[in-house]
Amino acid sequence: MRAMVLAAGRGERMRPLSDVTPKPLLQVGGKSLIQRHLEALAAVGIHEVMINLAWKGEQIRAALGDGSGCGVHLTYSDEGPQALETGGGIHRALPWLGERFLVISADIWSDFPLSNCLSLPMGSDVAHFVVVPNPDYHRRGDFGLSDGRMTLQGELLTYANIGCFHADFFAACAPGRFPLAPLMFDWIRAGRVSGELYTGGWCNVGTPDQLATLDRQLCAASQPQPVT
């Protein structure tokens, strides 16, 4: 399986930090957000990774190079000065990604076990989404989950920005700039998306305050515990 890490966004809510540094390169606990993703992918045996680039993409390419420092081999999809949004960016990469692939947003942190995605019996499903309990800043949620199936009813949970996709998810799409969310809702409505709830560590790192809070937490967790 191959993977794509979405890293082309402008990071408006992360300004002024993202005016200088693309959000995926911002550090928490001594490592950049995107480095953590690449190392996690390598740890479960996913070594072929695509990164899409737009805002200050040259910095990401310069920092990561061919990916060997993180245990992966990187391929870049340069979208130019204006990002293609999530849907358009993935669609552009489909010839490289193949039939089935993993997609993670660079601006999250999680200890979700990515190995869960390697042996999913997707059958006729076109996607599998990971959802998390709603954080305080997104109480309305995104999708429901019932017996391992994504729904649009009941208690809504938050999409974790981690998903396994089949190329058929984009079968009706044309090249260009478009968001992913409408397709997600359409396929859930069609009953073709499975899912799972993850209650472990997860954070959508959207603002400087969220970045600083996560940095403190990870730094504290890495400190040696006193012997009692």
C-alpha atoms as a PDB file:
ATOM      1  CA  MET A   1       0.000   0.000   0.000  1.00  0.00           C
ATOM      2  CA  ARG A   2       1.097   3.547  -0.750  1.00  0.00           C
ATOM      3  CA  ALA A   3       0.196   6.664   1.215  1.00  0.00           C
ATOM      4  CA  MET A   4      -0.387  10.345   0.589  1.00  0.00           C
ATOM      5  CA  VAL A   5       0.255  13.084   3.142  1.00  0.00           C
ATOM      6  CA  LEU A   6      -1.701  16.249   2.375  1.00  0.00           C
ATOM      7  CA  ALA A   7       0.620  19.209   2.891  1.00  0.00           C
ATOM      8  CA  ALA A   8      -0.383  21.867   0.362  1.00  0.00           C
ATOM      9  CA  GLY A   9      -2.675  24.056   2.486  1.00  0.00           C
ATOM     10  CA  ARG A  10      -1.990  27.689   3.362  1.00  0.00           C
ATOM     11  CA  GLY A  11      -2.659  27.261   7.086  1.00  0.00           C
ATOM     12  CA  GLU A  12      -4.599  30.504   7.508  1.00  0.00           C
ATOM     13  CA  ARG A  13      -5.534  29.872  11.148  1.00  0.00           C
ATOM     14  CA  MET A  14      -1.888  29.173  11.984  1.00  0.00           C
ATOM     15  CA  ARG A  15      -0.777  32.675  10.980  1.00  0.00           C
ATOM     16  CA  PRO A  16       1.574  34.364  11.675  1.00  0.00           C
ATOM     17  CA  LEU A  17       3.645  31.180  12.111  1.00  0.00           C
ATOM     18  CA  SER A  18       2.582  29.828   8.732  1.00  0.00           C
ATOM     19  CA  ASP A  19       3.523  33.102   7.007  1.00  0.00           C
ATOM     20  CA  VAL A  20       7.130  32.017   7.393  1.00  0.00           C
ATOM     21  CA  THR A  21       7.007  28.229   7.780  1.00  0.00           C
ATOM     22  CA  PRO A  22       4.544  25.852   6.083  1.00  0.00           C
ATOM     23  CA  LYS A  23       2.367  24.277   8.758  1.00  0.00           C
ATOM     24  CA  PRO A  24       3.580  20.678   8.152  1.00  0.00           C
ATOM     25  CA  LEU A  25       7.112  21.755   9.162  1.00  0.00           C
ATOM     26  CA  LEU A  26       6.061  23.290  12.470  1.00  0.00           C
ATOM     27  CA  GLN A  27       7.485  21.285  15.357  1.00  0.00           C
ATOM     28  CA  VAL A  28       5.867  19.566  18.323  1.00  0.00           C
ATOM     29  CA  GLY A  29       7.969  17.673  20.820  1.00  0.00           C
ATOM     30  CA  GLY A  30      11.148  18.316  18.849  1.00  0.00           C
ATOM     31  CA  LYS A  31       9.942  16.967  15.481  1.00  0.00           C
ATOM     32  CA  SER A  32       7.916  18.460  12.665  1.00  0.00           C
ATOM     33  CA  LEU A  33       4.322  17.328  12.245  1.00  0.00           C
ATOM     34  CA  ILE A  34       5.066  15.803   8.854  1.00  0.00           C
ATOM     35  CA  GLN A  35       8.201  14.012  10.050  1.00  0.00           C
ATOM     36  CA  ARG A  36       6.094  12.268  12.686  1.00  0.00           C
ATOM     37  CA  HIS A  37       3.691  11.038  10.004  1.00  0.00           C
ATOM     38  CA  LEU A  38       6.463   9.736   7.778  1.00  0.00           C
ATOM     39  CA  GLU A  39       8.126   7.873  10.627  1.00  0.00           C
ATOM     40  CA  ALA A  40       4.787   6.348  11.650  1.00  0.00           C
ATOM     41  CA  LEU A  41       4.176   5.170   8.076  1.00  0.00           C
ATOM     42  CA  ALA A  42       7.642   3.638   7.861  1.00  0.00           C
ATOM     43  CA  ALA A  43       7.089   1.862  11.177  1.00  0.00           C
ATOM     44  CA  VAL A  44       4.138  -0.103   9.751  1.00  0.00           C
ATOM     45  CA  GLY A  45       5.870  -0.910   6.473  1.00  0.00           C
ATOM     46  CA  ILE A  46       4.488   1.840   4.225  1.00  0.00           C
ATOM     47  CA  HIS A  47       7.576   3.222   2.524  1.00  0.00           C
ATOM     48  CA  GLU A  48       6.230   4.772  -0.693  1.00  0.00           C
ATOM     49  CA  VAL A  49       4.711   8.139   0.182  1.00  0.00           C
ATOM     50  CA  MET A  50       3.391  11.044  -1.893  1.00  0.00           C
ATOM     51  CA  ILE A  51       3.362  14.601  -0.535  1.00  0.00           C
ATOM     52  CA  ASN A  52       1.443  17.343  -2.328  1.00  0.00           C
ATOM     53  CA  LEU A  53       2.942  20.818  -2.300  1.00  0.00           C
ATOM     54  CA  ALA A  54       1.724  24.371  -2.820  1.00  0.00           C
ATOM     55  CA  TRP A  55       2.243  27.036  -0.116  1.00  0.00           C
ATOM     56  CA  LYS A  56       6.001  27.259   0.546  1.00  0.00           C
ATOM     57  CA  GLY A  57       6.334  23.769  -0.830  1.00  0.00           C
ATOM     58  CA  GLU A  58      10.002  24.317  -1.607  1.00  0.00           C
ATOM     59  CA  GLN A  59      10.678  24.399   2.136  1.00  0.00           C
ATOM     60  CA  ILE A  60       9.017  21.018   2.620  1.00  0.00           C
ATOM     61  CA  ARG A  61      10.975  19.503  -0.258  1.00  0.00           C
ATOM     62  CA  ALA A  62      14.235  20.949   1.070  1.00  0.00           C
ATOM     63  CA  ALA A  63      13.585  19.712   4.618  1.00  0.00           C
ATOM     64  CA  LEU A  64      12.567  16.167   3.698  1.00  0.00           C
ATOM     65  CA  GLY A  65      14.509  15.470   0.507  1.00  0.00           C
ATOM     66  CA  ASP A  66      13.970  11.936  -0.720  1.00  0.00           C
ATOM     67  CA  GLY A  67      12.533  10.856   2.634  1.00  0.00           C
ATOM     68  CA  SER A  68      15.349   8.479   3.509  1.00  0.00           C
ATOM     69  CA  GLY A  69      15.936  10.287   6.798  1.00  0.00           C
ATOM     70  CA  CYS A  70      12.447   9.208   7.871  1.00  0.00           C
ATOM     71  CA  GLY A  71      12.651   5.694   6.450  1.00  0.00           C
ATOM     72  CA  VAL A  72      10.486   6.314   3.376  1.00  0.00           C
ATOM     73  CA  HIS A  73      10.844   7.130  -0.313  1.00  0.00           C
ATOM     74  CA  LEU A  74       9.096  10.386  -1.166  1.00  0.00           C
ATOM     75  CA  THR A  75       7.405  11.449  -4.371  1.00  0.00           C
ATOM     76  CA  TYR A  76       6.149  15.025  -4.638  1.00  0.00           C
ATOM     77  CA  SER A  77       3.073  16.393  -6.386  1.00  0.00           C
ATOM     78  CA  ASP A  78       3.701  20.096  -6.946  1.00  0.00           C
ATOM     79  CA  GLU A  79       0.324  21.806  -7.408  1.00  0.00           C
ATOM     80  CA  GLY A  80       1.716  25.254  -8.156  1.00  0.00           C
ATOM     81  CA  PRO A  81       0.831  28.537  -6.434  1.00  0.00           C
ATOM     82  CA  GLN A  82      -2.793  27.561  -5.719  1.00  0.00           C
ATOM     83  CA  ALA A  83      -3.493  24.239  -3.997  1.00  0.00           C
ATOM     84  CA  LEU A  84      -6.019  21.917  -5.622  1.00  0.00           C
ATOM     85  CA  GLU A  85      -7.839  21.372  -2.284  1.00  0.00           C
ATOM     86  CA  THR A  86      -8.056  17.928  -0.747  1.00  0.00           C
ATOM     87  CA  GLY A  87     -10.147  16.275  -3.443  1.00  0.00           C
ATOM     88  CA  GLY A  88      -8.298  17.743  -6.392  1.00  0.00           C
ATOM     89  CA  GLY A  89      -4.923  17.026  -4.833  1.00  0.00           C
ATOM     90  CA  ILE A  90      -5.674  13.340  -4.267  1.00  0.00           C
ATOM     91  CA  HIS A  91      -7.263  12.983  -7.710  1.00  0.00           C
ATOM     92  CA  ARG A  92      -4.143  14.389  -9.365  1.00  0.00           C
ATOM     93  CA  ALA A  93      -2.027  11.772  -7.573  1.00  0.00           C
ATOM     94  CA  LEU A  94      -4.221   8.766  -8.450  1.00  0.00           C
ATOM     95  CA  PRO A  95      -1.982   7.382 -11.240  1.00  0.00           C
ATOM     96  CA  TRP A  96       0.822   7.083  -8.690  1.00  0.00           C
ATOM     97  CA  LEU A  97      -1.288   6.037  -5.693  1.00  0.00           C
ATOM     98  CA  GLY A  98      -2.842   3.009  -7.367  1.00  0.00           C
ATOM     99  CA  GLU A  99      -6.052   1.181  -6.532  1.00  0.00           C
ATOM    100  CA  ARG A 100      -6.001   1.416  -2.736  1.00  0.00           C
ATOM    101  CA  PHE A 101      -4.104   3.896  -0.558  1.00  0.00           C
ATOM    102  CA  LEU A 102      -3.932   5.710   2.759  1.00  0.00           C
ATOM    103  CA  VAL A 103      -4.415   9.478   3.113  1.00  0.00           C
ATOM    104  CA  ILE A 104      -3.396  11.549   6.142  1.00  0.00           C
ATOM    105  CA  SER A 105      -3.512  15.309   6.619  1.00  0.00           C
ATOM    106  CA  ALA A 106      -0.133  16.739   7.603  1.00  0.00           C
ATOM    107  CA  ASP A 107      -1.658  19.151  10.121  1.00  0.00           C
ATOM    108  CA  ILE A 108      -2.837  16.574  12.637  1.00  0.00           C
ATOM    109  CA  TRP A 109      -1.025  14.626  15.334  1.00  0.00           C
ATOM    110  CA  SER A 110      -2.177  11.172  16.412  1.00  0.00           C
ATOM    111  CA  ASP A 111      -0.894   7.915  17.810  1.00  0.00           C
ATOM    112  CA  PHE A 112      -3.565   6.000  15.870  1.00  0.00           C
ATOM    113  CA  PRO A 113      -2.177   2.566  14.880  1.00  0.00           C
ATOM    114  CA  LEU A 114      -1.853   2.900  11.111  1.00  0.00           C
ATOM    115  CA  SER A 115      -1.399  -0.876  10.883  1.00  0.00           C
ATOM    116  CA  ASN A 116      -5.204  -1.062  11.262  1.00  0.00           C
ATOM    117  CA  CYS A 117      -5.473   0.176   7.678  1.00  0.00           C
ATOM    118  CA  LEU A 118      -3.227  -2.431   6.098  1.00  0.00           C
ATOM    119  CA  SER A 119      -5.566  -5.423   6.124  1.00  0.00           C
ATOM    120  CA  LEU A 120      -9.018  -3.886   5.888  1.00  0.00           C
ATOM    121  CA  PRO A 121     -11.516  -6.168   4.088  1.00  0.00           C
ATOM    122  CA  MET A 122     -12.998  -3.277   2.096  1.00  0.00           C
ATOM    123  CA  GLY A 123     -15.043  -5.461  -0.256  1.00  0.00           C
ATOM    124  CA  SER A 124     -17.347  -3.152  -2.219  1.00  0.00           C
ATOM    125  CA  ASP A 125     -16.563  -0.157  -0.017  1.00  0.00           C
ATOM    126  CA  VAL A 126     -14.741   2.785  -1.547  1.00  0.00           C
ATOM    127  CA  ALA A 127     -13.337   4.175   1.706  1.00  0.00           C
ATOM    128  CA  HIS A 128     -12.739   3.608   5.399  1.00  0.00           C
ATOM    129  CA  PHE A 129     -12.692   6.645   7.704  1.00  0.00           C
ATOM    130  CA  VAL A 130     -11.231   7.040  11.168  1.00  0.00           C
ATOM    131  CA  VAL A 131     -13.346   9.238  13.438  1.00  0.00           C
ATOM    132  CA  VAL A 132     -12.671  10.628  16.907  1.00  0.00           C
ATOM    133  CA  PRO A 133     -14.789  12.109  19.716  1.00  0.00           C
ATOM    134  CA  ASN A 134     -15.676  15.716  18.992  1.00  0.00           C
ATOM    135  CA  PRO A 135     -13.136  18.223  20.323  1.00  0.00           C
ATOM    136  CA  ASP A 136     -14.404  21.363  22.034  1.00  0.00           C
ATOM    137  CA  TYR A 137     -13.862  23.464  18.907  1.00  0.00           C
ATOM    138  CA  HIS A 138     -15.888  21.091  16.675  1.00  0.00           C
ATOM    139  CA  ARG A 139     -18.798  19.920  18.797  1.00  0.00           C
ATOM    140  CA  ARG A 140     -21.181  19.444  15.868  1.00  0.00           C
ATOM    141  CA  GLY A 141     -19.082  16.610  14.413  1.00  0.00           C
ATOM    142  CA  ASP A 142     -19.033  15.364  10.826  1.00  0.00           C
ATOM    143  CA  PHE A 143     -20.340  11.800  10.414  1.00  0.00           C
ATOM    144  CA  GLY A 144     -22.146   9.133  12.372  1.00  0.00           C
ATOM    145  CA  LEU A 145     -20.889   5.592  12.991  1.00  0.00           C
ATOM    146  CA  SER A 146     -23.077   2.536  13.451  1.00  0.00           C
ATOM    147  CA  ASP A 147     -21.861  -1.075  13.493  1.00  0.00           C
ATOM    148  CA  GLY A 148     -18.697  -0.188  11.613  1.00  0.00           C
ATOM    149  CA  ARG A 149     -20.520   1.807   8.920  1.00  0.00           C
ATOM    150  CA  MET A 150     -20.324   5.553   8.396  1.00  0.00           C
ATOM    151  CA  THR A 151     -23.726   7.240   8.453  1.00  0.00           C
ATOM    152  CA  LEU A 152     -25.172  10.736   8.354  1.00  0.00           C
ATOM    153  CA  GLN A 153     -27.508  10.098  11.277  1.00  0.00           C
ATOM    154  CA  GLY A 154     -27.350   9.722  15.027  1.00  0.00           C
ATOM    155  CA  GLU A 155     -24.517  11.073  17.141  1.00  0.00           C
ATOM    156  CA  LEU A 156     -21.992  12.726  14.853  1.00  0.00           C
ATOM    157  CA  LEU A 157     -18.246  12.279  15.359  1.00  0.00           C
ATOM    158  CA  THR A 158     -15.257  14.164  13.948  1.00  0.00           C
ATOM    159  CA  TYR A 159     -13.322  12.938  10.916  1.00  0.00           C
ATOM    160  CA  ALA A 160      -9.754  12.338  12.061  1.00  0.00           C
ATOM    161  CA  ASN A 161      -8.258  13.220   8.663  1.00  0.00           C
ATOM    162  CA  ILE A 162      -7.060   9.629   8.365  1.00  0.00           C
ATOM    163  CA  GLY A 163      -8.680   7.466   5.720  1.00  0.00           C
ATOM    164  CA  CYS A 164      -8.139   4.492   3.465  1.00  0.00           C
ATOM    165  CA  PHE A 165      -9.463   5.044  -0.065  1.00  0.00           C
ATOM    166  CA  HIS A 166     -10.131   3.010  -3.197  1.00  0.00           C
ATOM    167  CA  ALA A 167      -9.535   4.751  -6.519  1.00  0.00           C
ATOM    168  CA  ASP A 168     -13.243   4.215  -7.346  1.00  0.00           C
ATOM    169  CA  PHE A 169     -14.009   6.900  -4.748  1.00  0.00           C
ATOM    170  CA  PHE A 170     -12.926   9.422  -7.410  1.00  0.00           C
ATOM    171  CA  ALA A 171     -14.349   7.629 -10.459  1.00  0.00           C
ATOM    172  CA  ALA A 172     -16.766  10.430 -11.372  1.00  0.00           C
ATOM    173  CA  CYS A 173     -14.295  13.259 -10.808  1.00  0.00           C
ATOM    174  CA  ALA A 174     -12.536  15.426 -13.370  1.00  0.00           C
ATOM    175  CA  PRO A 175      -9.096  16.973 -12.898  1.00  0.00           C
ATOM    176  CA  GLY A 176      -9.044  20.338 -11.188  1.00  0.00           C
ATOM    177  CA  ARG A 177      -9.570  22.031  -7.856  1.00  0.00           C
ATOM    178  CA  PHE A 178     -12.296  20.568  -5.645  1.00  0.00           C
ATOM    179  CA  PRO A 179     -12.909  19.680  -1.974  1.00  0.00           C
ATOM    180  CA  LEU A 180     -13.131  16.159  -0.618  1.00  0.00           C
ATOM    181  CA  ALA A 181     -16.073  16.653   1.753  1.00  0.00           C
ATOM    182  CA  PRO A 182     -18.953  16.505  -0.792  1.00  0.00           C
ATOM    183  CA  LEU A 183     -17.662  13.171  -2.094  1.00  0.00           C
ATOM    184  CA  MET A 184     -17.423  11.834   1.445  1.00  0.00           C
ATOM    185  CA  PHE A 185     -21.051  12.676   2.121  1.00  0.00           C
ATOM    186  CA  ASP A 186     -22.182  11.219  -1.219  1.00  0.00           C
ATOM    187  CA  TRP A 187     -20.441   7.873  -0.684  1.00  0.00           C
ATOM    188  CA  ILE A 188     -21.625   7.616   2.936  1.00  0.00           C
ATOM    189  CA  ARG A 189     -25.159   8.280   1.722  1.00  0.00           C
ATOM    190  CA  ALA A 190     -24.675   5.465  -0.811  1.00  0.00           C
ATOM    191  CA  GLY A 191     -23.640   3.075   1.980  1.00  0.00           C
ATOM    192  CA  ARG A 192     -20.153   2.459   0.618  1.00  0.00           C
ATOM    193  CA  VAL A 193     -17.955   3.698   3.511  1.00  0.00           C
ATOM    194  CA  SER A 194     -16.860   1.782   6.611  1.00  0.00           C
ATOM    195  CA  GLY A 195     -15.305   3.371   9.668  1.00  0.00           C
ATOM    196  CA  GLU A 196     -13.874   3.073  13.138  1.00  0.00           C
ATOM    197  CA  LEU A 197     -13.788   5.201  16.270  1.00  0.00           C
ATOM    198  CA  TYR A 198     -10.406   6.010  17.790  1.00  0.00           C
ATOM    199  CA  THR A 199     -10.363   7.284  21.361  1.00  0.00           C
ATOM    200  CA  GLY A 200      -6.588   7.565  21.812  1.00  0.00           C
ATOM    201  CA  GLY A 201      -4.291  10.504  21.173  1.00  0.00           C
ATOM    202  CA  TRP A 202      -5.398  12.860  18.406  1.00  0.00           C
ATOM    203  CA  CYS A 203      -5.173  16.598  17.784  1.00  0.00           C
ATOM    204  CA  ASN A 204      -6.055  18.801  14.829  1.00  0.00           C
ATOM    205  CA  VAL A 205      -3.205  21.308  15.036  1.00  0.00           C
ATOM    206  CA  GLY A 206      -4.962  24.324  13.592  1.00  0.00           C
ATOM    207  CA  THR A 207      -3.851  27.361  15.612  1.00  0.00           C
ATOM    208  CA  PRO A 208      -0.702  28.607  17.372  1.00  0.00           C
ATOM    209  CA  ASP A 209      -2.342  27.909  20.747  1.00  0.00           C
ATOM    210  CA  GLN A 210      -3.131  24.298  19.759  1.00  0.00           C
ATOM    211  CA  LEU A 211       0.422  23.880  18.497  1.00  0.00           C
ATOM    212  CA  ALA A 212       1.889  25.206  21.749  1.00  0.00           C
ATOM    213  CA  THR A 213      -0.373  23.003  23.881  1.00  0.00           C
ATOM    214  CA  LEU A 214       0.516  19.847  21.944  1.00  0.00           C
ATOM    215  CA  ASP A 215       4.207  20.752  22.065  1.00  0.00           C
ATOM    216  CA  ARG A 216       4.080  21.015  25.860  1.00  0.00           C
ATOM    217  CA  GLN A 217       2.257  17.705  26.152  1.00  0.00           C
ATOM    218  CA  LEU A 218       4.683  15.797  23.935  1.00  0.00           C
ATOM    219  CA  CYS A 219       7.731  17.349  25.587  1.00  0.00           C
ATOM    220  CA  ALA A 220       6.401  16.420  29.011  1.00  0.00           C
ATOM    221  CA  ALA A 221       5.637  12.867  27.885  1.00  0.00           C
ATOM    222  CA  SER A 222       9.191  12.431  26.624  1.00  0.00           C
ATOM    223  CA  GLN A 223      10.785  13.383  29.943  1.00  0.00           C
ATOM    224  CA  PRO A 224      12.204  10.534  32.069  1.00  0.00           C
ATOM    225  CA  GLN A 225       9.898   9.589  34.914  1.00  0.00           C
ATOM    226  CA  PRO A 226      11.338   9.826  38.439  1.00  0.00           C
ATOM    227  CA  VAL A 227      12.199   6.532  40.117  1.00  0.00           C
ATOM    228  CA  THR A 228      10.125   5.904  43.227  1.00  0.00           C
END
